Amino acid sequence: MRIAVIADTHGCYPAALPGKLRGADEIWHLGDVGGPETLVEFEQLGVPVRVVRGNCDDWLAWPLTLDLECAGVSHHLVHIPPRRAPVGAHVLLHGHLHVPRDEVDRSGVRWLSPGCISQPRGHGCSFAWLTVDAGRFQWVLVCL
């Protein structure tokens, strides 16, 4: 499965982004979307768009966290990174910091952030591809 991971659109994103996400099996947005209208072009790609609510989002239909199992890998999606990963998570994906992240904690959980697509801090706009297959995964950051 090939998943496009984005975060922190804050209501805008580069015009080329939806085209760059073609070929995704799913799109995961890690919060601070800006409103449901921000997701329209991504939804028109015809793949599931999974969203968690960020601290700047008022859309209560979006959950604060999502736990997803994909090809034997447990993913925990959240906007603001917690102090600890939930029990059972192999991968914790978050936004909020506006910078990319790829770290492994002492318990072996991999912490990933695609950075920010609209208002990066000290790094260009970015998103990531998460490819998951048979209990293994690959994370590739894409800078725009």
N, C-alpha and C. Protein backbone atom coordinates (compact mmCIF):
# COMPACT_ATOMS: atom_id res chain seq x y z
N MET A 1 0.84 -1.18 0.00
CA MET A 1 0.00 0.00 0.00
C MET A 1 0.89 1.24 0.00
N ARG A 2 0.54 2.20 -0.82
CA ARG A 2 1.29 3.46 -0.93
C ARG A 2 0.41 4.60 -0.40
N ILE A 3 0.88 5.25 0.65
CA ILE A 3 0.10 6.27 1.35
C ILE A 3 0.81 7.61 1.25
N ALA A 4 0.09 8.63 0.80
CA ALA A 4 0.61 10.00 0.80
C ALA A 4 0.27 10.60 2.17
N VAL A 5 1.27 11.16 2.86
CA VAL A 5 1.07 11.72 4.20
C VAL A 5 1.37 13.21 4.14
N ILE A 6 0.37 14.01 4.53
CA ILE A 6 0.52 15.46 4.55
C ILE A 6 0.08 15.99 5.91
N ALA A 7 0.49 17.21 6.21
CA ALA A 7 0.10 17.84 7.48
C ALA A 7 0.15 19.35 7.34
N ASP A 8 -0.63 20.00 8.18
CA ASP A 8 -0.56 21.45 8.36
C ASP A 8 -0.78 22.23 7.07
N THR A 9 -1.88 21.94 6.38
CA THR A 9 -2.23 22.74 5.20
C THR A 9 -2.71 24.13 5.61
N HIS A 10 -3.37 24.25 6.74
CA HIS A 10 -3.88 25.54 7.22
C HIS A 10 -4.69 26.26 6.15
N GLY A 11 -5.44 25.49 5.36
CA GLY A 11 -6.33 26.07 4.35
C GLY A 11 -5.69 26.32 3.00
N CYS A 12 -4.40 26.01 2.84
CA CYS A 12 -3.77 26.22 1.53
C CYS A 12 -2.64 25.22 1.32
N TYR A 13 -2.26 25.06 0.07
CA TYR A 13 -1.19 24.14 -0.28
C TYR A 13 -0.72 24.50 -1.69
N PRO A 14 0.47 24.08 -2.08
CA PRO A 14 0.94 24.36 -3.43
C PRO A 14 -0.01 23.75 -4.47
N ALA A 15 -0.27 24.49 -5.54
CA ALA A 15 -1.21 24.06 -6.57
C ALA A 15 -0.84 22.70 -7.17
N ALA A 16 0.44 22.38 -7.20
CA ALA A 16 0.89 21.13 -7.81
C ALA A 16 0.69 19.92 -6.89
N LEU A 17 0.38 20.14 -5.62
CA LEU A 17 0.34 19.01 -4.67
C LEU A 17 -0.65 17.92 -5.05
N PRO A 18 -1.92 18.21 -5.35
CA PRO A 18 -2.83 17.10 -5.68
C PRO A 18 -2.31 16.21 -6.81
N GLY A 19 -1.71 16.78 -7.82
CA GLY A 19 -1.15 16.00 -8.91
C GLY A 19 0.00 15.11 -8.46
N LYS A 20 0.78 15.59 -7.52
CA LYS A 20 1.90 14.79 -7.00
C LYS A 20 1.43 13.61 -6.15
N LEU A 21 0.17 13.65 -5.70
CA LEU A 21 -0.35 12.57 -4.87
C LEU A 21 -1.06 11.48 -5.69
N ARG A 22 -1.12 11.68 -7.01
CA ARG A 22 -1.72 10.64 -7.86
C ARG A 22 -0.92 9.35 -7.69
N GLY A 23 -1.62 8.25 -7.65
CA GLY A 23 -0.97 6.96 -7.44
C GLY A 23 -1.00 6.51 -6.00
N ALA A 24 -1.49 7.37 -5.11
CA ALA A 24 -1.64 6.97 -3.70
C ALA A 24 -2.83 6.03 -3.57
N ASP A 25 -2.69 5.05 -2.68
CA ASP A 25 -3.82 4.18 -2.34
C ASP A 25 -4.71 4.85 -1.29
N GLU A 26 -4.09 5.70 -0.47
CA GLU A 26 -4.80 6.49 0.54
C GLU A 26 -4.01 7.77 0.76
N ILE A 27 -4.69 8.76 1.34
CA ILE A 27 -4.05 10.00 1.76
C ILE A 27 -4.35 10.16 3.25
N TRP A 28 -3.31 10.39 4.04
CA TRP A 28 -3.47 10.63 5.47
C TRP A 28 -3.08 12.07 5.76
N HIS A 29 -4.00 12.84 6.35
CA HIS A 29 -3.74 14.24 6.71
C HIS A 29 -3.64 14.30 8.23
N LEU A 30 -2.52 14.82 8.71
CA LEU A 30 -2.22 14.79 10.15
C LEU A 30 -2.62 16.08 10.88
N GLY A 31 -3.64 16.75 10.41
CA GLY A 31 -4.25 17.85 11.15
C GLY A 31 -3.81 19.24 10.77
N ASP A 32 -4.56 20.21 11.33
CA ASP A 32 -4.51 21.62 10.94
C ASP A 32 -4.79 21.73 9.45
N VAL A 33 -5.95 21.19 9.10
CA VAL A 33 -6.42 21.16 7.72
C VAL A 33 -6.83 22.55 7.26
N GLY A 34 -7.66 23.21 8.06
CA GLY A 34 -8.18 24.52 7.70
C GLY A 34 -9.65 24.50 7.38
N GLY A 35 -10.23 23.34 7.16
CA GLY A 35 -11.66 23.19 6.87
C GLY A 35 -11.87 22.12 5.82
N PRO A 36 -13.08 21.56 5.78
CA PRO A 36 -13.37 20.48 4.84
C PRO A 36 -13.14 20.86 3.38
N GLU A 37 -13.34 22.13 3.04
CA GLU A 37 -13.15 22.56 1.64
C GLU A 37 -11.69 22.39 1.19
N THR A 38 -10.77 22.39 2.13
CA THR A 38 -9.35 22.20 1.80
C THR A 38 -9.09 20.81 1.24
N LEU A 39 -9.94 19.85 1.59
CA LEU A 39 -9.72 18.45 1.20
C LEU A 39 -10.34 18.08 -0.14
N VAL A 40 -11.13 18.98 -0.75
CA VAL A 40 -11.89 18.63 -1.95
C VAL A 40 -11.01 18.07 -3.07
N GLU A 41 -9.92 18.75 -3.41
CA GLU A 41 -9.07 18.26 -4.51
C GLU A 41 -8.45 16.90 -4.19
N PHE A 42 -8.14 16.66 -2.93
CA PHE A 42 -7.57 15.37 -2.54
C PHE A 42 -8.63 14.27 -2.64
N GLU A 43 -9.85 14.58 -2.22
CA GLU A 43 -10.95 13.61 -2.31
C GLU A 43 -11.28 13.28 -3.76
N GLN A 44 -11.10 14.25 -4.65
CA GLN A 44 -11.38 14.02 -6.07
C GLN A 44 -10.39 13.06 -6.72
N LEU A 45 -9.31 12.74 -6.04
CA LEU A 45 -8.37 11.74 -6.56
C LEU A 45 -8.95 10.33 -6.48
N GLY A 46 -10.07 10.19 -5.72
CA GLY A 46 -10.78 8.91 -5.70
C GLY A 46 -10.23 7.86 -4.76
N VAL A 47 -9.42 8.29 -3.78
CA VAL A 47 -8.89 7.35 -2.79
C VAL A 47 -9.34 7.81 -1.40
N PRO A 48 -9.35 6.91 -0.42
CA PRO A 48 -9.73 7.34 0.93
C PRO A 48 -8.80 8.44 1.46
N VAL A 49 -9.40 9.44 2.07
CA VAL A 49 -8.65 10.51 2.73
C VAL A 49 -8.97 10.40 4.22
N ARG A 50 -7.97 10.08 5.00
CA ARG A 50 -8.15 9.93 6.45
C ARG A 50 -7.54 11.16 7.12
N VAL A 51 -8.29 11.72 8.07
CA VAL A 51 -7.91 13.00 8.67
C VAL A 51 -8.01 12.93 10.19
N VAL A 52 -7.02 13.51 10.87
CA VAL A 52 -7.15 13.75 12.31
C VAL A 52 -7.23 15.26 12.52
N ARG A 53 -7.95 15.64 13.54
CA ARG A 53 -8.17 17.06 13.86
C ARG A 53 -6.95 17.66 14.53
N GLY A 54 -6.56 18.83 14.06
CA GLY A 54 -5.45 19.55 14.67
C GLY A 54 -5.93 20.62 15.63
N ASN A 55 -5.00 21.26 16.31
CA ASN A 55 -5.36 22.27 17.30
C ASN A 55 -5.95 23.53 16.66
N CYS A 56 -5.80 23.70 15.35
CA CYS A 56 -6.40 24.85 14.65
C CYS A 56 -7.67 24.46 13.89
N ASP A 57 -8.11 23.23 14.01
CA ASP A 57 -9.30 22.76 13.30
C ASP A 57 -10.53 22.81 14.20
N ASP A 58 -11.64 23.29 13.63
CA ASP A 58 -12.91 23.36 14.36
C ASP A 58 -13.90 22.28 13.91
N TRP A 59 -13.51 21.44 12.97
CA TRP A 59 -14.40 20.44 12.41
C TRP A 59 -14.44 19.23 13.33
N LEU A 60 -15.48 19.13 14.15
CA LEU A 60 -15.55 18.09 15.19
C LEU A 60 -15.80 16.69 14.65
N ALA A 61 -16.14 16.57 13.38
CA ALA A 61 -16.34 15.24 12.79
C ALA A 61 -15.02 14.50 12.63
N TRP A 62 -13.90 15.23 12.62
CA TRP A 62 -12.60 14.59 12.52
C TRP A 62 -12.15 14.14 13.90
N PRO A 63 -11.66 12.92 14.02
CA PRO A 63 -11.19 12.43 15.32
C PRO A 63 -9.86 13.07 15.70
N LEU A 64 -9.55 13.07 16.98
CA LEU A 64 -8.26 13.57 17.45
C LEU A 64 -7.13 12.59 17.13
N THR A 65 -7.45 11.30 17.10
CA THR A 65 -6.46 10.28 16.77
C THR A 65 -7.12 9.22 15.90
N LEU A 66 -6.30 8.51 15.16
CA LEU A 66 -6.73 7.34 14.40
C LEU A 66 -5.70 6.25 14.59
N ASP A 67 -6.16 5.04 14.84
CA ASP A 67 -5.29 3.87 14.90
C ASP A 67 -5.62 3.00 13.69
N LEU A 68 -4.64 2.81 12.83
CA LEU A 68 -4.85 2.07 11.59
C LEU A 68 -3.85 0.93 11.49
N GLU A 69 -4.36 -0.21 11.08
CA GLU A 69 -3.52 -1.39 10.84
C GLU A 69 -3.38 -1.51 9.33
N CYS A 70 -2.15 -1.60 8.85
CA CYS A 70 -1.91 -1.67 7.42
C CYS A 70 -0.80 -2.69 7.16
N ALA A 71 -1.15 -3.78 6.51
CA ALA A 71 -0.18 -4.81 6.12
C ALA A 71 0.68 -5.26 7.29
N GLY A 72 0.06 -5.42 8.46
CA GLY A 72 0.78 -5.91 9.62
C GLY A 72 1.52 -4.86 10.44
N VAL A 73 1.36 -3.59 10.09
CA VAL A 73 2.01 -2.50 10.82
C VAL A 73 0.93 -1.63 11.46
N SER A 74 1.05 -1.39 12.78
CA SER A 74 0.09 -0.56 13.51
C SER A 74 0.55 0.89 13.50
N HIS A 75 -0.32 1.77 12.99
CA HIS A 75 -0.03 3.20 12.87
C HIS A 75 -0.95 3.98 13.81
N HIS A 76 -0.38 4.95 14.50
CA HIS A 76 -1.16 5.87 15.34
C HIS A 76 -1.00 7.25 14.73
N LEU A 77 -2.12 7.86 14.31
CA LEU A 77 -2.11 9.18 13.70
C LEU A 77 -2.65 10.20 14.71
N VAL A 78 -1.94 11.31 14.84
CA VAL A 78 -2.31 12.36 15.79
C VAL A 78 -1.70 13.66 15.28
N HIS A 79 -2.27 14.79 15.66
CA HIS A 79 -1.68 16.06 15.22
C HIS A 79 -0.51 16.46 16.12
N ILE A 80 -0.77 16.64 17.40
CA ILE A 80 0.28 17.05 18.34
C ILE A 80 0.95 15.79 18.88
N PRO A 81 2.27 15.68 18.76
CA PRO A 81 2.92 14.45 19.23
C PRO A 81 2.78 14.31 20.75
N PRO A 82 2.36 13.14 21.21
CA PRO A 82 2.22 12.91 22.65
C PRO A 82 3.59 12.65 23.29
N ARG A 83 3.60 12.58 24.61
CA ARG A 83 4.86 12.27 25.31
C ARG A 83 5.33 10.86 25.02
N ARG A 84 4.37 9.93 24.92
CA ARG A 84 4.69 8.52 24.66
C ARG A 84 3.75 7.99 23.58
N ALA A 85 4.24 7.02 22.85
CA ALA A 85 3.40 6.35 21.86
C ALA A 85 2.44 5.41 22.58
N PRO A 86 1.24 5.24 22.05
CA PRO A 86 0.31 4.30 22.66
C PRO A 86 0.83 2.86 22.55
N VAL A 87 0.45 2.05 23.50
CA VAL A 87 0.85 0.64 23.50
C VAL A 87 0.35 -0.02 22.22
N GLY A 88 1.21 -0.77 21.59
CA GLY A 88 0.84 -1.50 20.38
C GLY A 88 1.17 -0.79 19.09
N ALA A 89 1.49 0.50 19.14
CA ALA A 89 1.82 1.23 17.91
C ALA A 89 3.24 0.90 17.47
N HIS A 90 3.40 0.63 16.20
CA HIS A 90 4.73 0.45 15.60
C HIS A 90 5.25 1.78 15.07
N VAL A 91 4.29 2.59 14.57
CA VAL A 91 4.63 3.88 13.95
C VAL A 91 3.68 4.94 14.49
N LEU A 92 4.23 6.08 14.90
CA LEU A 92 3.43 7.22 15.32
C LEU A 92 3.67 8.33 14.31
N LEU A 93 2.59 8.77 13.66
CA LEU A 93 2.68 9.84 12.67
C LEU A 93 2.00 11.08 13.23
N HIS A 94 2.69 12.23 13.11
CA HIS A 94 2.13 13.48 13.65
C HIS A 94 2.50 14.66 12.77
N GLY A 95 1.81 15.76 12.98
CA GLY A 95 2.11 17.03 12.35
C GLY A 95 2.54 18.01 13.43
N HIS A 96 2.02 19.23 13.36
CA HIS A 96 2.12 20.27 14.38
C HIS A 96 3.46 20.99 14.45
N LEU A 97 4.57 20.32 14.31
CA LEU A 97 5.87 20.95 14.51
C LEU A 97 6.35 21.72 13.27
N HIS A 98 5.75 21.46 12.13
CA HIS A 98 6.08 22.12 10.86
C HIS A 98 7.49 21.80 10.37
N VAL A 99 8.08 20.75 10.88
CA VAL A 99 9.39 20.26 10.40
C VAL A 99 9.31 18.74 10.27
N PRO A 100 10.05 18.17 9.31
CA PRO A 100 10.05 16.72 9.16
C PRO A 100 10.70 16.03 10.37
N ARG A 101 10.28 14.78 10.59
CA ARG A 101 10.84 14.00 11.70
C ARG A 101 10.89 12.53 11.30
N ASP A 102 11.97 11.87 11.70
CA ASP A 102 12.11 10.43 11.51
C ASP A 102 13.04 9.94 12.63
N GLU A 103 12.45 9.44 13.70
CA GLU A 103 13.21 9.00 14.87
C GLU A 103 12.62 7.70 15.41
N VAL A 104 13.45 6.94 16.10
CA VAL A 104 13.00 5.73 16.78
C VAL A 104 13.22 5.95 18.27
N ASP A 105 12.16 5.72 19.08
CA ASP A 105 12.30 5.91 20.53
C ASP A 105 12.86 4.65 21.19
N ARG A 106 13.08 4.72 22.50
CA ARG A 106 13.69 3.60 23.24
C ARG A 106 12.87 2.32 23.18
N SER A 107 11.56 2.46 22.97
CA SER A 107 10.71 1.26 22.91
C SER A 107 10.63 0.68 21.49
N GLY A 108 11.30 1.33 20.53
CA GLY A 108 11.31 0.82 19.16
C GLY A 108 10.23 1.40 18.26
N VAL A 109 9.44 2.35 18.76
CA VAL A 109 8.39 2.98 17.95
C VAL A 109 9.05 4.04 17.05
N ARG A 110 8.67 4.03 15.80
CA ARG A 110 9.19 5.03 14.86
C ARG A 110 8.25 6.23 14.83
N TRP A 111 8.80 7.42 15.05
CA TRP A 111 8.05 8.69 15.07
C TRP A 111 8.33 9.40 13.76
N LEU A 112 7.26 9.69 13.00
CA LEU A 112 7.40 10.28 11.68
C LEU A 112 6.52 11.51 11.54
N SER A 113 7.05 12.52 10.90
CA SER A 113 6.27 13.70 10.52
C SER A 113 6.69 14.11 9.11
N PRO A 114 5.71 14.42 8.25
CA PRO A 114 6.05 14.83 6.89
C PRO A 114 6.47 16.29 6.79
N GLY A 115 6.55 16.98 7.90
CA GLY A 115 6.82 18.41 7.86
C GLY A 115 5.52 19.15 7.57
N CYS A 116 5.62 20.29 6.95
CA CYS A 116 4.46 21.15 6.70
C CYS A 116 4.34 21.44 5.22
N ILE A 117 3.13 21.42 4.71
CA ILE A 117 2.93 21.66 3.29
C ILE A 117 2.66 23.14 3.00
N SER A 118 2.36 23.96 4.02
CA SER A 118 1.99 25.34 3.76
C SER A 118 2.86 26.39 4.45
N GLN A 119 3.33 26.12 5.66
CA GLN A 119 4.06 27.12 6.44
C GLN A 119 5.25 26.46 7.15
N PRO A 120 6.25 26.00 6.39
CA PRO A 120 7.36 25.28 7.02
C PRO A 120 8.22 26.18 7.90
N ARG A 121 8.89 25.56 8.85
CA ARG A 121 9.81 26.27 9.74
C ARG A 121 11.24 25.79 9.48
N GLY A 122 12.04 26.62 8.83
CA GLY A 122 13.43 26.28 8.61
C GLY A 122 13.66 25.15 7.62
N HIS A 123 12.64 24.77 6.89
CA HIS A 123 12.71 23.67 5.93
C HIS A 123 11.64 23.97 4.89
N GLY A 124 11.86 23.57 3.65
CA GLY A 124 10.86 23.82 2.62
C GLY A 124 9.58 23.03 2.83
N CYS A 125 8.57 23.35 2.04
CA CYS A 125 7.31 22.61 2.09
C CYS A 125 7.58 21.15 1.76
N SER A 126 6.92 20.24 2.48
CA SER A 126 7.18 18.82 2.26
C SER A 126 5.97 17.97 2.60
N PHE A 127 5.95 16.79 2.01
CA PHE A 127 5.01 15.72 2.36
C PHE A 127 5.81 14.43 2.31
N ALA A 128 5.17 13.30 2.55
CA ALA A 128 5.92 12.04 2.53
C ALA A 128 5.10 10.92 1.90
N TRP A 129 5.82 9.93 1.41
CA TRP A 129 5.23 8.68 0.96
C TRP A 129 5.56 7.61 1.99
N LEU A 130 4.53 6.92 2.44
CA LEU A 130 4.68 5.78 3.34
C LEU A 130 4.24 4.55 2.54
N THR A 131 5.17 3.64 2.31
CA THR A 131 4.85 2.42 1.60
C THR A 131 4.92 1.27 2.59
N VAL A 132 3.82 0.52 2.70
CA VAL A 132 3.72 -0.57 3.67
C VAL A 132 3.42 -1.86 2.92
N ASP A 133 4.21 -2.90 3.24
CA ASP A 133 4.02 -4.18 2.58
C ASP A 133 4.52 -5.30 3.49
N ALA A 134 3.67 -6.25 3.79
CA ALA A 134 4.04 -7.46 4.54
C ALA A 134 4.82 -7.18 5.81
N GLY A 135 4.30 -6.27 6.64
CA GLY A 135 4.91 -6.00 7.94
C GLY A 135 6.11 -5.08 7.90
N ARG A 136 6.45 -4.57 6.75
CA ARG A 136 7.59 -3.65 6.61
C ARG A 136 7.09 -2.35 6.01
N PHE A 137 7.83 -1.27 6.25
CA PHE A 137 7.43 -0.01 5.66
C PHE A 137 8.64 0.82 5.30
N GLN A 138 8.39 1.75 4.37
CA GLN A 138 9.43 2.67 3.92
C GLN A 138 8.85 4.08 3.97
N TRP A 139 9.64 5.03 4.43
CA TRP A 139 9.25 6.44 4.56
C TRP A 139 10.16 7.27 3.67
N VAL A 140 9.57 8.03 2.74
CA VAL A 140 10.34 8.87 1.84
C VAL A 140 9.77 10.29 1.90
N LEU A 141 10.59 11.22 2.34
CA LEU A 141 10.20 12.63 2.42
C LEU A 141 10.36 13.26 1.04
N VAL A 142 9.37 14.07 0.64
CA VAL A 142 9.39 14.76 -0.65
C VAL A 142 9.34 16.25 -0.37
N CYS A 143 10.37 16.97 -0.80
CA CYS A 143 10.42 18.42 -0.64
C CYS A 143 9.94 19.07 -1.92
N LEU A 144 9.09 20.07 -1.76
CA LEU A 144 8.55 20.77 -2.94
C LEU A 144 9.31 22.05 -3.21
